């Protein structure tokens, strides 16, 4: 938390996705950190200690989002991570989001109402000891 606001880290190499996402989240009352690639995302993760991460599946490299996910998991930090995907139904039918350690997957373009409602539920729910 920063100044009473939950911190959301958004990582996407497309500014046309990243900036609207930032605006949506800030309008929902969140503090938002952004990063344009996985490497900057790792640095921002370490510096900002976010409450939630939203990361694009395919950035500068095909699987940059997955590499980011593995690096964060290696740090043993339990932060909900949501993946952004423009891969459509094929991705959802072939990938086990829970098995990958993801809290969920958002299809691009992200529906602002669904995003904000989900984050509100996730961030206000009692956290399980772990």
Protein backbone atom coordinates (compact mmCIF):
# COMPACT_ATOMS: atom_id res chain seq x y z
CA UNK A 1 0.00 0.00 0.00
CA UNK A 2 1.09 3.51 -0.70
CA UNK A 3 -0.66 6.47 0.92
CA UNK A 4 -3.62 4.23 1.76
CA UNK A 5 -3.93 2.90 -1.79
CA UNK A 6 -3.21 -0.60 -3.06
CA UNK A 7 -0.34 -0.63 -5.56
CA UNK A 8 -0.93 -2.30 -8.93
CA UNK A 9 2.05 -3.01 -11.21
CA UNK A 10 1.13 -3.15 -14.92
CA UNK A 11 3.63 -4.49 -17.45
CA UNK A 12 2.99 -4.25 -21.18
CA UNK A 13 5.14 -3.19 -24.12
CA UNK A 14 2.18 -1.56 -25.89
CA UNK A 15 1.57 1.99 -24.62
CA UNK A 16 -1.91 1.84 -26.20
CA UNK A 17 -2.74 -0.87 -23.67
CA UNK A 18 -0.62 0.32 -20.76
CA UNK A 19 -1.82 3.92 -20.52
CA UNK A 20 -5.58 3.18 -20.62
CA UNK A 21 -5.03 0.43 -18.05
CA UNK A 22 -3.25 2.94 -15.80
CA UNK A 23 -6.10 5.44 -16.20
CA UNK A 24 -8.73 2.80 -15.40
CA UNK A 25 -6.89 1.65 -12.28
CA UNK A 26 -6.15 5.16 -11.01
CA UNK A 27 -9.81 6.10 -11.50
CA UNK A 28 -10.63 3.07 -9.34
CA UNK A 29 -8.51 4.47 -6.51
CA UNK A 30 -5.32 2.46 -7.00
CA UNK A 31 -1.71 3.61 -7.09
CA UNK A 32 -0.25 2.37 -10.37
CA UNK A 33 3.31 1.56 -11.40
CA UNK A 34 4.01 0.72 -15.03
CA UNK A 35 6.80 -1.00 -16.91
CA UNK A 36 7.30 -1.40 -20.68
CA UNK A 37 8.96 -4.83 -20.57
CA UNK A 38 9.68 -7.81 -18.33
CA UNK A 39 13.11 -6.60 -17.19
CA UNK A 40 11.74 -3.21 -16.13
CA UNK A 41 8.82 -5.08 -14.57
CA UNK A 42 11.16 -7.07 -12.32
CA UNK A 43 12.87 -3.85 -11.19
CA UNK A 44 9.53 -2.15 -10.57
CA UNK A 45 8.30 -5.21 -8.67
CA UNK A 46 11.28 -5.08 -6.33
CA UNK A 47 11.03 -1.30 -5.85
CA UNK A 48 7.27 -0.86 -5.48
CA UNK A 49 6.23 -4.04 -3.62
CA UNK A 50 2.89 -4.16 -5.48
CA UNK A 51 -0.28 -5.72 -4.09
CA UNK A 52 -1.22 -7.06 -7.55
CA UNK A 53 0.61 -7.50 -10.86
CA UNK A 54 -0.99 -7.39 -14.31
CA UNK A 55 1.44 -8.55 -17.01
CA UNK A 56 1.12 -9.03 -20.76
CA UNK A 57 1.72 -12.57 -21.95
CA UNK A 58 3.50 -11.58 -25.16
CA UNK A 59 5.77 -8.57 -25.03
CA UNK A 60 9.17 -7.99 -26.60
CA UNK A 61 9.62 -11.75 -26.71
CA UNK A 62 6.90 -14.33 -27.30
CA UNK A 63 7.01 -15.65 -23.74
CA UNK A 64 8.31 -12.61 -21.83
CA UNK A 65 5.25 -12.64 -19.58
CA UNK A 66 5.89 -16.26 -18.62
CA UNK A 67 9.55 -15.53 -17.91
CA UNK A 68 8.47 -12.64 -15.67
CA UNK A 69 6.05 -14.94 -13.85
CA UNK A 70 8.78 -17.52 -13.19
CA UNK A 71 11.18 -14.86 -11.89
CA UNK A 72 8.58 -13.47 -9.49
CA UNK A 73 7.73 -16.96 -8.27
CA UNK A 74 11.45 -17.58 -7.65
CA UNK A 75 11.44 -14.59 -5.28
CA UNK A 76 8.85 -16.46 -3.16
CA UNK A 77 6.54 -13.46 -2.97
CA UNK A 78 2.86 -14.22 -2.82
CA UNK A 79 1.40 -11.49 -4.96
CA UNK A 80 -1.62 -12.16 -7.17
CA UNK A 81 -0.51 -12.04 -10.79
CA UNK A 82 -2.98 -11.61 -13.62
CA UNK A 83 -1.95 -12.25 -17.19
CA UNK A 84 -3.13 -10.11 -20.11
CA UNK A 85 -3.68 -11.99 -23.34
CA UNK A 86 -4.83 -11.19 -26.81
CA UNK A 87 -4.54 -14.86 -27.76
CA UNK A 88 -8.28 -15.44 -27.43
CA UNK A 89 -10.14 -18.61 -26.60
CA UNK A 90 -7.27 -20.88 -27.67
CA UNK A 91 -5.13 -19.60 -24.80
CA UNK A 92 -7.91 -20.05 -22.27
CA UNK A 93 -8.67 -23.58 -23.44
CA UNK A 94 -5.05 -24.79 -23.45
CA UNK A 95 -3.48 -23.12 -20.41
CA UNK A 96 -4.15 -23.90 -16.74
CA UNK A 97 -3.88 -20.44 -15.17
CA UNK A 98 -4.02 -21.81 -11.62
CA UNK A 99 -1.38 -24.41 -12.43
CA UNK A 100 0.91 -21.62 -13.57
CA UNK A 101 0.37 -19.75 -10.32
CA UNK A 102 -1.76 -17.05 -11.91
CA UNK A 103 -4.67 -15.46 -10.11
CA UNK A 104 -6.40 -15.17 -13.49
CA UNK A 105 -6.24 -14.09 -17.11
CA UNK A 106 -7.74 -10.98 -18.68
CA UNK A 107 -8.56 -10.90 -22.38
CA UNK A 108 -7.54 -7.74 -24.25
CA UNK A 109 -9.18 -5.31 -24.46
CA UNK A 110 -9.82 -5.39 -20.72
CA UNK A 111 -13.35 -4.62 -19.56
CA UNK A 112 -12.88 -1.81 -16.98
CA UNK A 113 -15.91 -2.77 -14.88
CA UNK A 114 -14.85 -6.42 -14.62
CA UNK A 115 -11.25 -5.48 -13.85
CA UNK A 116 -12.16 -3.05 -11.06
CA UNK A 117 -14.77 -5.37 -9.56
CA UNK A 118 -12.34 -8.30 -9.51
CA UNK A 119 -9.55 -6.25 -7.93
CA UNK A 120 -11.91 -4.85 -5.32
CA UNK A 121 -12.97 -8.37 -4.38
CA UNK A 122 -9.42 -9.73 -4.41
CA UNK A 123 -7.91 -6.89 -2.38
CA UNK A 124 -10.65 -6.64 0.24
CA UNK A 125 -11.03 -10.40 0.82
CA UNK A 126 -9.36 -11.75 3.96
CA UNK A 127 -5.97 -13.14 2.99
CA UNK A 128 -5.27 -16.77 3.77
CA UNK A 129 -2.25 -17.57 5.88
CA UNK A 130 0.43 -19.21 3.82
